[in-house]
All heavy atoms as atom14 arrays in JSON, in Angstrom:
{
  "sequence": "IIDATKCGNFARFINHSCNPNCYAKVITVESQKKIVIYSKQHINVN",
  "atom14_mask": [
    [1, 1, 1, 1, 1, 1, 1, 1, 0, 0, 0, 0, 0, 0],
    [1, 1, 1, 1, 1, 1, 1, 1, 0, 0, 0, 0, 0, 0],
    [1, 1, 1, 1, 1, 1, 1, 1, 0, 0, 0, 0, 0, 0],
    [1, 1, 1, 1, 1, 0, 0, 0, 0, 0, 0, 0, 0, 0],
    [1, 1, 1, 1, 1, 1, 1, 0, 0, 0, 0, 0, 0, 0],
    [1, 1, 1, 1, 1, 1, 1, 1, 1, 0, 0, 0, 0, 0],
    [1, 1, 1, 1, 1, 1, 0, 0, 0, 0, 0, 0, 0, 0],
    [1, 1, 1, 1, 0, 0, 0, 0, 0, 0, 0, 0, 0, 0],
    [1, 1, 1, 1, 1, 1, 1, 1, 0, 0, 0, 0, 0, 0],
    [1, 1, 1, 1, 1, 1, 1, 1, 1, 1, 1, 0, 0, 0],
    [1, 1, 1, 1, 1, 0, 0, 0, 0, 0, 0, 0, 0, 0],
    [1, 1, 1, 1, 1, 1, 1, 1, 1, 1, 1, 0, 0, 0],
    [1, 1, 1, 1, 1, 1, 1, 1, 1, 1, 1, 0, 0, 0],
    [1, 1, 1, 1, 1, 1, 1, 1, 0, 0, 0, 0, 0, 0],
    [1, 1, 1, 1, 1, 1, 1, 1, 0, 0, 0, 0, 0, 0],
    [1, 1, 1, 1, 1, 1, 1, 1, 1, 1, 0, 0, 0, 0],
    [1, 1, 1, 1, 1, 1, 0, 0, 0, 0, 0, 0, 0, 0],
    [1, 1, 1, 1, 1, 1, 0, 0, 0, 0, 0, 0, 0, 0],
    [1, 1, 1, 1, 1, 1, 1, 1, 0, 0, 0, 0, 0, 0],
    [1, 1, 1, 1, 1, 1, 1, 0, 0, 0, 0, 0, 0, 0],
    [1, 1, 1, 1, 1, 1, 1, 1, 0, 0, 0, 0, 0, 0],
    [1, 1, 1, 1, 1, 1, 0, 0, 0, 0, 0, 0, 0, 0],
    [1, 1, 1, 1, 1, 1, 1, 1, 1, 1, 1, 1, 0, 0],
    [1, 1, 1, 1, 1, 0, 0, 0, 0, 0, 0, 0, 0, 0],
    [1, 1, 1, 1, 1, 1, 1, 1, 1, 0, 0, 0, 0, 0],
    [1, 1, 1, 1, 1, 1, 1, 0, 0, 0, 0, 0, 0, 0],
    [1, 1, 1, 1, 1, 1, 1, 1, 0, 0, 0, 0, 0, 0],
    [1, 1, 1, 1, 1, 1, 1, 0, 0, 0, 0, 0, 0, 0],
    [1, 1, 1, 1, 1, 1, 1, 0, 0, 0, 0, 0, 0, 0],
    [1, 1, 1, 1, 1, 1, 1, 1, 1, 0, 0, 0, 0, 0],
    [1, 1, 1, 1, 1, 1, 0, 0, 0, 0, 0, 0, 0, 0],
    [1, 1, 1, 1, 1, 1, 1, 1, 1, 0, 0, 0, 0, 0],
    [1, 1, 1, 1, 1, 1, 1, 1, 1, 0, 0, 0, 0, 0],
    [1, 1, 1, 1, 1, 1, 1, 1, 1, 0, 0, 0, 0, 0],
    [1, 1, 1, 1, 1, 1, 1, 1, 0, 0, 0, 0, 0, 0],
    [1, 1, 1, 1, 1, 1, 1, 0, 0, 0, 0, 0, 0, 0],
    [1, 1, 1, 1, 1, 1, 1, 1, 0, 0, 0, 0, 0, 0],
    [1, 1, 1, 1, 1, 1, 1, 1, 1, 1, 1, 1, 0, 0],
    [1, 1, 1, 1, 1, 1, 0, 0, 0, 0, 0, 0, 0, 0],
    [1, 1, 1, 1, 1, 1, 1, 1, 1, 0, 0, 0, 0, 0],
    [1, 1, 1, 1, 1, 1, 1, 1, 1, 0, 0, 0, 0, 0],
    [1, 1, 1, 1, 1, 1, 1, 1, 1, 1, 0, 0, 0, 0],
    [1, 1, 1, 1, 1, 1, 1, 1, 0, 0, 0, 0, 0, 0],
    [1, 1, 1, 1, 1, 1, 1, 1, 0, 0, 0, 0, 0, 0],
    [1, 1, 1, 1, 1, 1, 1, 0, 0, 0, 0, 0, 0, 0],
    [1, 1, 1, 1, 1, 1, 1, 1, 0, 0, 0, 0, 0, 0]
  ],
  "atom14_positions": [
    [[10.18, -100.64, 88.76], [11.45, -100.02, 88.39], [11.37, -98.54, 88.73], [10.33, -97.9, 88.54], [11.73, -100.19, 86.88], [11.97, -101.67, 86.56], [12.93, -99.36, 86.43], [12.08, -101.97, 85.08], [0.0, 0.0, 0.0], [0.0, 0.0, 0.0], [0.0, 0.0, 0.0], [0.0, 0.0, 0.0], [0.0, 0.0, 0.0], [0.0, 0.0, 0.0]],
    [[12.45, -98.0, 89.27], [12.52, -96.56, 89.55], [13.24, -95.88, 88.4], [14.39, -96.19, 88.09], [13.25, -96.28, 90.88], [12.43, -96.81, 92.06], [13.49, -94.78, 91.05], [13.06, -96.57, 93.4], [0.0, 0.0, 0.0], [0.0, 0.0, 0.0], [0.0, 0.0, 0.0], [0.0, 0.0, 0.0], [0.0, 0.0, 0.0], [0.0, 0.0, 0.0]],
    [[12.55, -94.95, 87.75], [13.11, -94.2, 86.63], [13.49, -92.8, 87.11], [12.63, -91.99, 87.45], [12.1, -94.11, 85.49], [12.65, -93.36, 84.28], [13.88, -93.11, 84.26], [11.87, -93.03, 83.38], [0.0, 0.0, 0.0], [0.0, 0.0, 0.0], [0.0, 0.0, 0.0], [0.0, 0.0, 0.0], [0.0, 0.0, 0.0], [0.0, 0.0, 0.0]],
    [[14.8, -92.53, 87.15], [15.3, -91.23, 87.6], [15.88, -90.42, 86.45], [16.6, -89.45, 86.67], [16.36, -91.43, 88.67], [0.0, 0.0, 0.0], [0.0, 0.0, 0.0], [0.0, 0.0, 0.0], [0.0, 0.0, 0.0], [0.0, 0.0, 0.0], [0.0, 0.0, 0.0], [0.0, 0.0, 0.0], [0.0, 0.0, 0.0], [0.0, 0.0, 0.0]],
    [[15.55, -90.79, 85.21], [16.12, -90.13, 84.04], [15.77, -88.66, 83.99], [16.63, -87.81, 83.75], [15.65, -90.83, 82.75], [15.95, -92.23, 82.84], [16.35, -90.25, 81.54], [0.0, 0.0, 0.0], [0.0, 0.0, 0.0], [0.0, 0.0, 0.0], [0.0, 0.0, 0.0], [0.0, 0.0, 0.0], [0.0, 0.0, 0.0], [0.0, 0.0, 0.0]],
    [[14.49, -88.34, 84.19], [14.04, -86.95, 84.07], [13.56, -86.36, 85.39], [13.37, -85.14, 85.48], [12.93, -86.85, 83.02], [13.43, -87.11, 81.61], [12.36, -86.8, 80.57], [12.9, -86.94, 79.16], [11.9, -86.6, 78.13], [0.0, 0.0, 0.0], [0.0, 0.0, 0.0], [0.0, 0.0, 0.0], [0.0, 0.0, 0.0], [0.0, 0.0, 0.0]],
    [[13.3, -87.19, 86.38], [12.89, -86.65, 87.69], [13.53, -87.51, 88.78], [12.95, -88.48, 89.24], [11.36, -86.63, 87.83], [10.57, -88.2, 87.54], [0.0, 0.0, 0.0], [0.0, 0.0, 0.0], [0.0, 0.0, 0.0], [0.0, 0.0, 0.0], [0.0, 0.0, 0.0], [0.0, 0.0, 0.0], [0.0, 0.0, 0.0], [0.0, 0.0, 0.0]],
    [[14.73, -87.14, 89.13], [15.45, -87.88, 90.17], [16.27, -86.93, 91.02], [16.1, -85.71, 90.96], [0.0, 0.0, 0.0], [0.0, 0.0, 0.0], [0.0, 0.0, 0.0], [0.0, 0.0, 0.0], [0.0, 0.0, 0.0], [0.0, 0.0, 0.0], [0.0, 0.0, 0.0], [0.0, 0.0, 0.0], [0.0, 0.0, 0.0], [0.0, 0.0, 0.0]],
    [[17.19, -87.48, 91.79], [18.06, -86.65, 92.61], [19.53, -86.98, 92.28], [19.82, -87.63, 91.27], [17.77, -86.87, 94.1], [18.01, -88.3, 94.54], [18.23, -89.2, 93.71], [17.98, -88.54, 95.83], [0.0, 0.0, 0.0], [0.0, 0.0, 0.0], [0.0, 0.0, 0.0], [0.0, 0.0, 0.0], [0.0, 0.0, 0.0], [0.0, 0.0, 0.0]],
    [[20.45, -86.56, 93.14], [21.87, -86.74, 92.87], [22.28, -88.21, 92.79], [23.33, -88.53, 92.23], [22.7, -86.06, 93.97], [22.73, -84.56, 93.87], [23.32, -83.8, 94.86], [22.14, -83.91, 92.79], [23.35, -82.41, 94.77], [22.17, -82.52, 92.69], [22.78, -81.77, 93.68], [0.0, 0.0, 0.0], [0.0, 0.0, 0.0], [0.0, 0.0, 0.0]],
    [[21.45, -89.11, 93.33], [21.82, -90.52, 93.36], [22.01, -91.08, 91.96], [22.75, -92.05, 91.76], [20.78, -91.33, 94.11], [0.0, 0.0, 0.0], [0.0, 0.0, 0.0], [0.0, 0.0, 0.0], [0.0, 0.0, 0.0], [0.0, 0.0, 0.0], [0.0, 0.0, 0.0], [0.0, 0.0, 0.0], [0.0, 0.0, 0.0], [0.0, 0.0, 0.0]],
    [[21.36, -90.5, 90.98], [21.47, -91.03, 89.61], [22.86, -90.8, 89.01], [23.2, -91.4, 88.0], [20.41, -90.39, 88.71], [20.58, -88.92, 88.47], [19.51, -88.4, 87.54], [19.7, -86.98, 87.24], [19.08, -86.35, 86.25], [18.23, -87.01, 85.49], [19.3, -85.08, 86.03], [0.0, 0.0, 0.0], [0.0, 0.0, 0.0], [0.0, 0.0, 0.0]],
    [[23.65, -89.93, 89.62], [25.01, -89.68, 89.12], [26.04, -90.66, 89.67], [27.22, -90.57, 89.28], [25.44, -88.25, 89.45], [24.62, -87.19, 88.78], [23.81, -86.35, 89.52], [24.64, -87.04, 87.4], [23.04, -85.38, 88.91], [23.87, -86.07, 86.77], [23.07, -85.23, 87.53], [0.0, 0.0, 0.0], [0.0, 0.0, 0.0], [0.0, 0.0, 0.0]],
    [[25.64, -91.56, 90.55], [26.61, -92.5, 91.13], [27.08, -93.48, 90.06], [26.26, -94.13, 89.4], [25.99, -93.26, 92.32], [25.51, -92.28, 93.39], [27.01, -94.23, 92.92], [24.84, -92.95, 94.57], [0.0, 0.0, 0.0], [0.0, 0.0, 0.0], [0.0, 0.0, 0.0], [0.0, 0.0, 0.0], [0.0, 0.0, 0.0], [0.0, 0.0, 0.0]],
    [[28.39, -93.59, 89.91], [28.97, -94.47, 88.9], [29.17, -95.88, 89.44], [29.23, -96.11, 90.66], [30.3, -93.92, 88.42], [30.13, -92.83, 87.37], [29.33, -92.96, 86.45], [30.89, -91.74, 87.52], [0.0, 0.0, 0.0], [0.0, 0.0, 0.0], [0.0, 0.0, 0.0], [0.0, 0.0, 0.0], [0.0, 0.0, 0.0], [0.0, 0.0, 0.0]],
    [[29.29, -96.82, 88.5], [29.56, -98.21, 88.85], [31.05, -98.4, 89.16], [31.91, -97.71, 88.6], [29.18, -99.13, 87.68], [29.81, -100.49, 87.77], [29.24, -101.55, 88.46], [30.98, -100.97, 87.25], [30.01, -102.61, 88.36], [31.09, -102.28, 87.63], [0.0, 0.0, 0.0], [0.0, 0.0, 0.0], [0.0, 0.0, 0.0], [0.0, 0.0, 0.0]],
    [[31.34, -99.34, 90.05], [32.71, -99.75, 90.31], [32.7, -101.23, 90.67], [31.79, -101.7, 91.36], [33.34, -98.94, 91.45], [34.63, -99.44, 91.75], [0.0, 0.0, 0.0], [0.0, 0.0, 0.0], [0.0, 0.0, 0.0], [0.0, 0.0, 0.0], [0.0, 0.0, 0.0], [0.0, 0.0, 0.0], [0.0, 0.0, 0.0], [0.0, 0.0, 0.0]],
    [[33.72, -101.95, 90.17], [33.85, -103.36, 90.54], [34.39, -103.53, 91.96], [34.31, -104.61, 92.53], [34.77, -104.07, 89.54], [34.14, -104.07, 87.84], [0.0, 0.0, 0.0], [0.0, 0.0, 0.0], [0.0, 0.0, 0.0], [0.0, 0.0, 0.0], [0.0, 0.0, 0.0], [0.0, 0.0, 0.0], [0.0, 0.0, 0.0], [0.0, 0.0, 0.0]],
    [[34.93, -102.46, 92.5], [35.39, -102.45, 93.9], [34.8, -101.22, 94.58], [35.51, -100.27, 94.91], [36.91, -102.44, 93.97], [37.42, -102.55, 95.39], [36.75, -103.1, 96.27], [38.61, -102.02, 95.64], [0.0, 0.0, 0.0], [0.0, 0.0, 0.0], [0.0, 0.0, 0.0], [0.0, 0.0, 0.0], [0.0, 0.0, 0.0], [0.0, 0.0, 0.0]],
    [[33.47, -101.21, 94.81], [32.78, -99.99, 95.26], [32.96, -99.74, 96.76], [33.34, -100.63, 97.53], [31.32, -100.3, 94.94], [31.21, -101.79, 95.08], [32.53, -102.34, 94.62], [0.0, 0.0, 0.0], [0.0, 0.0, 0.0], [0.0, 0.0, 0.0], [0.0, 0.0, 0.0], [0.0, 0.0, 0.0], [0.0, 0.0, 0.0], [0.0, 0.0, 0.0]],
    [[32.66, -98.5, 97.14], [32.67, -98.15, 98.57], [31.25, -98.11, 99.15], [31.07, -97.81, 100.32], [33.37, -96.82, 98.82], [32.82, -95.7, 97.95], [31.7, -95.77, 97.44], [33.62, -94.66, 97.76], [0.0, 0.0, 0.0], [0.0, 0.0, 0.0], [0.0, 0.0, 0.0], [0.0, 0.0, 0.0], [0.0, 0.0, 0.0], [0.0, 0.0, 0.0]],
    [[30.25, -98.38, 98.3], [28.85, -98.4, 98.75], [28.11, -99.57, 98.13], [28.63, -100.24, 97.23], [28.13, -97.1, 98.36], [28.74, -95.62, 99.22], [0.0, 0.0, 0.0], [0.0, 0.0, 0.0], [0.0, 0.0, 0.0], [0.0, 0.0, 0.0], [0.0, 0.0, 0.0], [0.0, 0.0, 0.0], [0.0, 0.0, 0.0], [0.0, 0.0, 0.0]],
    [[26.91, -99.8, 98.6], [26.05, -100.82, 98.02], [24.6, -100.35, 98.11], [24.26, -99.49, 98.94], [26.23, -102.17, 98.72], [25.81, -102.19, 100.18], [24.52, -102.6, 100.55], [26.69, -101.8, 101.19], [24.14, -102.62, 101.88], [26.31, -101.81, 102.51], [25.04, -102.22, 102.86], [24.65, -102.23, 104.18], [0.0, 0.0, 0.0], [0.0, 0.0, 0.0]],
    [[23.77, -100.9, 97.23], [22.35, -100.53, 97.2], [21.53, -101.58, 97.94], [21.82, -102.76, 97.86], [21.88, -100.4, 95.76], [0.0, 0.0, 0.0], [0.0, 0.0, 0.0], [0.0, 0.0, 0.0], [0.0, 0.0, 0.0], [0.0, 0.0, 0.0], [0.0, 0.0, 0.0], [0.0, 0.0, 0.0], [0.0, 0.0, 0.0], [0.0, 0.0, 0.0]],
    [[20.52, -101.11, 98.63], [19.65, -102.0, 99.4], [18.21, -101.55, 99.28], [17.92, -100.35, 99.32], [20.08, -102.01, 100.88], [19.29, -102.97, 101.75], [19.82, -102.94, 103.17], [19.05, -103.89, 104.08], [19.54, -103.84, 105.49], [0.0, 0.0, 0.0], [0.0, 0.0, 0.0], [0.0, 0.0, 0.0], [0.0, 0.0, 0.0], [0.0, 0.0, 0.0]],
    [[17.31, -102.5, 99.13], [15.87, -102.21, 99.07], [15.3, -102.32, 100.48], [15.44, -103.35, 101.13], [15.14, -103.18, 98.12], [13.64, -102.87, 98.11], [15.71, -103.08, 96.71], [0.0, 0.0, 0.0], [0.0, 0.0, 0.0], [0.0, 0.0, 0.0], [0.0, 0.0, 0.0], [0.0, 0.0, 0.0], [0.0, 0.0, 0.0], [0.0, 0.0, 0.0]],
    [[14.68, -101.25, 100.95], [14.03, -101.27, 102.26], [12.57, -100.88, 102.08], [12.19, -100.27, 101.08], [14.71, -100.31, 103.26], [14.55, -98.85, 102.81], [16.18, -100.65, 103.43], [15.02, -97.84, 103.84], [0.0, 0.0, 0.0], [0.0, 0.0, 0.0], [0.0, 0.0, 0.0], [0.0, 0.0, 0.0], [0.0, 0.0, 0.0], [0.0, 0.0, 0.0]],
    [[11.75, -101.24, 103.05], [10.32, -100.93, 103.0], [9.99, -99.87, 104.04], [10.26, -100.05, 105.23], [9.48, -102.19, 103.26], [9.82, -103.2, 102.3], [7.99, -101.89, 103.14], [0.0, 0.0, 0.0], [0.0, 0.0, 0.0], [0.0, 0.0, 0.0], [0.0, 0.0, 0.0], [0.0, 0.0, 0.0], [0.0, 0.0, 0.0], [0.0, 0.0, 0.0]],
    [[9.42, -98.77, 103.58], [9.03, -97.66, 104.45], [7.56, -97.39, 104.21], [7.17, -97.0, 103.11], [9.86, -96.4, 104.18], [9.41, -95.26, 105.08], [11.34, -96.68, 104.36], [0.0, 0.0, 0.0], [0.0, 0.0, 0.0], [0.0, 0.0, 0.0], [0.0, 0.0, 0.0], [0.0, 0.0, 0.0], [0.0, 0.0, 0.0], [0.0, 0.0, 0.0]],
    [[6.74, -97.62, 105.25], [5.29, -97.41, 105.15], [4.72, -98.17, 103.95], [4.03, -97.62, 103.1], [4.97, -95.92, 105.05], [5.34, -95.14, 106.31], [5.02, -93.67, 106.2], [4.65, -93.22, 105.09], [5.15, -92.96, 107.21], [0.0, 0.0, 0.0], [0.0, 0.0, 0.0], [0.0, 0.0, 0.0], [0.0, 0.0, 0.0], [0.0, 0.0, 0.0]],
    [[5.07, -99.44, 103.89], [4.6, -100.4, 102.87], [5.05, -100.04, 101.45], [4.54, -100.59, 100.49], [3.07, -100.54, 102.91], [2.42, -99.39, 102.43], [0.0, 0.0, 0.0], [0.0, 0.0, 0.0], [0.0, 0.0, 0.0], [0.0, 0.0, 0.0], [0.0, 0.0, 0.0], [0.0, 0.0, 0.0], [0.0, 0.0, 0.0], [0.0, 0.0, 0.0]],
    [[5.99, -99.11, 101.32], [6.5, -98.75, 100.01], [7.99, -99.08, 99.94], [8.76, -98.74, 100.84], [6.31, -97.26, 99.73], [6.75, -96.85, 98.33], [6.51, -95.38, 98.05], [6.08, -94.64, 98.93], [6.82, -94.94, 96.85], [0.0, 0.0, 0.0], [0.0, 0.0, 0.0], [0.0, 0.0, 0.0], [0.0, 0.0, 0.0], [0.0, 0.0, 0.0]],
    [[8.39, -99.78, 98.87], [9.79, -100.17, 98.7], [10.61, -98.99, 98.19], [10.2, -98.27, 97.28], [9.9, -101.34, 97.73], [9.35, -102.65, 98.29], [9.54, -103.79, 97.32], [9.02, -105.1, 97.9], [9.19, -106.24, 96.96], [0.0, 0.0, 0.0], [0.0, 0.0, 0.0], [0.0, 0.0, 0.0], [0.0, 0.0, 0.0], [0.0, 0.0, 0.0]],
    [[11.78, -98.81, 98.82], [12.68, -97.72, 98.43], [14.08, -98.28, 98.27], [14.46, -99.26, 98.91], [12.68, -96.61, 99.49], [11.34, -95.9, 99.63], [11.4, -94.82, 100.69], [10.09, -94.07, 100.82], [9.82, -93.24, 99.63], [0.0, 0.0, 0.0], [0.0, 0.0, 0.0], [0.0, 0.0, 0.0], [0.0, 0.0, 0.0], [0.0, 0.0, 0.0]],
    [[14.87, -97.63, 97.41], [16.27, -98.01, 97.21], [17.14, -96.98, 97.92], [17.03, -95.78, 97.67], [16.62, -98.07, 95.72], [15.8, -99.16, 95.03], [18.11, -98.34, 95.53], [15.97, -99.2, 93.53], [0.0, 0.0, 0.0], [0.0, 0.0, 0.0], [0.0, 0.0, 0.0], [0.0, 0.0, 0.0], [0.0, 0.0, 0.0], [0.0, 0.0, 0.0]],
    [[18.01, -97.48, 98.8], [18.89, -96.6, 99.54], [20.33, -97.06, 99.35], [20.61, -98.26, 99.33], [18.53, -96.6, 101.05], [19.47, -95.68, 101.82], [17.09, -96.16, 101.25], [0.0, 0.0, 0.0], [0.0, 0.0, 0.0], [0.0, 0.0, 0.0], [0.0, 0.0, 0.0], [0.0, 0.0, 0.0], [0.0, 0.0, 0.0], [0.0, 0.0, 0.0]],
    [[21.23, -96.11, 99.19], [22.65, -96.39, 99.04], [23.31, -96.34, 100.41], [23.22, -95.34, 101.11], [23.32, -95.38, 98.08], [22.52, -95.26, 96.78], [24.75, -95.77, 97.81], [22.35, -96.55, 96.02], [0.0, 0.0, 0.0], [0.0, 0.0, 0.0], [0.0, 0.0, 0.0], [0.0, 0.0, 0.0], [0.0, 0.0, 0.0], [0.0, 0.0, 0.0]],
    [[23.96, -97.46, 100.79], [24.68, -97.57, 102.06], [26.18, -97.51, 101.81], [26.66, -97.96, 100.76], [24.38, -98.91, 102.73], [23.07, -99.03, 103.46], [21.89, -99.21, 102.77], [23.03, -99.0, 104.85], [20.68, -99.35, 103.45], [21.84, -99.13, 105.52], [20.67, -99.3, 104.83], [19.48, -99.44, 105.48], [0.0, 0.0, 0.0], [0.0, 0.0, 0.0]],
    [[26.93, -97.05, 102.8], [28.39, -97.06, 102.71], [28.92, -98.42, 103.2], [28.51, -98.92, 104.24], [28.98, -95.94, 103.55], [28.54, -96.04, 104.9], [0.0, 0.0, 0.0], [0.0, 0.0, 0.0], [0.0, 0.0, 0.0], [0.0, 0.0, 0.0], [0.0, 0.0, 0.0], [0.0, 0.0, 0.0], [0.0, 0.0, 0.0], [0.0, 0.0, 0.0]],
    [[29.83, -99.02, 102.43], [30.46, -100.28, 102.83], [31.61, -100.06, 103.77], [31.96, -100.93, 104.57], [30.98, -101.03, 101.58], [29.91, -101.6, 100.68], [30.53, -102.29, 99.48], [31.38, -103.48, 99.91], [31.92, -104.2, 98.72], [0.0, 0.0, 0.0], [0.0, 0.0, 0.0], [0.0, 0.0, 0.0], [0.0, 0.0, 0.0], [0.0, 0.0, 0.0]],
    [[32.22, -98.89, 103.66], [33.44, -98.57, 104.42], [33.47, -97.08, 104.68], [32.57, -96.35, 104.26], [34.67, -98.99, 103.59], [34.76, -98.25, 102.27], [35.53, -98.99, 101.21], [35.45, -100.21, 101.1], [36.31, -98.25, 100.42], [0.0, 0.0, 0.0], [0.0, 0.0, 0.0], [0.0, 0.0, 0.0], [0.0, 0.0, 0.0], [0.0, 0.0, 0.0]],
    [[34.5, -96.64, 105.39], [34.66, -95.21, 105.63], [34.95, -94.5, 104.31], [35.76, -94.97, 103.5], [35.8, -94.95, 106.62], [36.05, -93.49, 106.86], [35.27, -92.74, 107.72], [36.97, -92.65, 106.33], [35.71, -91.49, 107.72], [36.74, -91.41, 106.89], [0.0, 0.0, 0.0], [0.0, 0.0, 0.0], [0.0, 0.0, 0.0], [0.0, 0.0, 0.0]],
    [[34.28, -93.38, 104.08], [34.44, -92.6, 102.85], [34.99, -91.22, 103.22], [34.44, -90.54, 104.09], [33.11, -92.46, 102.1], [32.58, -93.86, 101.71], [33.28, -91.6, 100.85], [31.22, -93.85, 101.08], [0.0, 0.0, 0.0], [0.0, 0.0, 0.0], [0.0, 0.0, 0.0], [0.0, 0.0, 0.0], [0.0, 0.0, 0.0], [0.0, 0.0, 0.0]],
    [[36.07, -90.83, 102.58], [36.72, -89.56, 102.88], [36.07, -88.42, 102.1], [35.33, -88.64, 101.14], [38.22, -89.63, 102.54], [38.94, -90.64, 103.39], [38.75, -90.72, 104.6], [39.79, -91.46, 102.76], [0.0, 0.0, 0.0], [0.0, 0.0, 0.0], [0.0, 0.0, 0.0], [0.0, 0.0, 0.0], [0.0, 0.0, 0.0], [0.0, 0.0, 0.0]],
    [[36.41, -87.21, 102.51], [35.92, -86.02, 101.81], [36.5, -86.01, 100.39], [37.67, -86.35, 100.19], [36.34, -84.74, 102.57], [35.89, -83.49, 101.81], [35.75, -84.74, 103.97], [0.0, 0.0, 0.0], [0.0, 0.0, 0.0], [0.0, 0.0, 0.0], [0.0, 0.0, 0.0], [0.0, 0.0, 0.0], [0.0, 0.0, 0.0], [0.0, 0.0, 0.0]],
    [[35.67, -85.66, 99.42], [36.03, -85.59, 97.99], [36.22, -86.97, 97.36], [36.65, -87.06, 96.2], [37.28, -84.74, 97.76], [37.06, -83.28, 98.08], [35.97, -82.75, 97.86], [38.07, -82.62, 98.62], [0.0, 0.0, 0.0], [0.0, 0.0, 0.0], [0.0, 0.0, 0.0], [0.0, 0.0, 0.0], [0.0, 0.0, 0.0], [0.0, 0.0, 0.0]]
  ]
}
């Protein structure tokens, strides 16, 4: 489990939506699993 409560980045502020514009995906980089947020569609400024 990745705990970003006290040591994380801006990603921890992303809110949930039942109709989101992004999705989370687990990828492996140098044998280490990471969680990356991908865009599902075009996202406008603001």
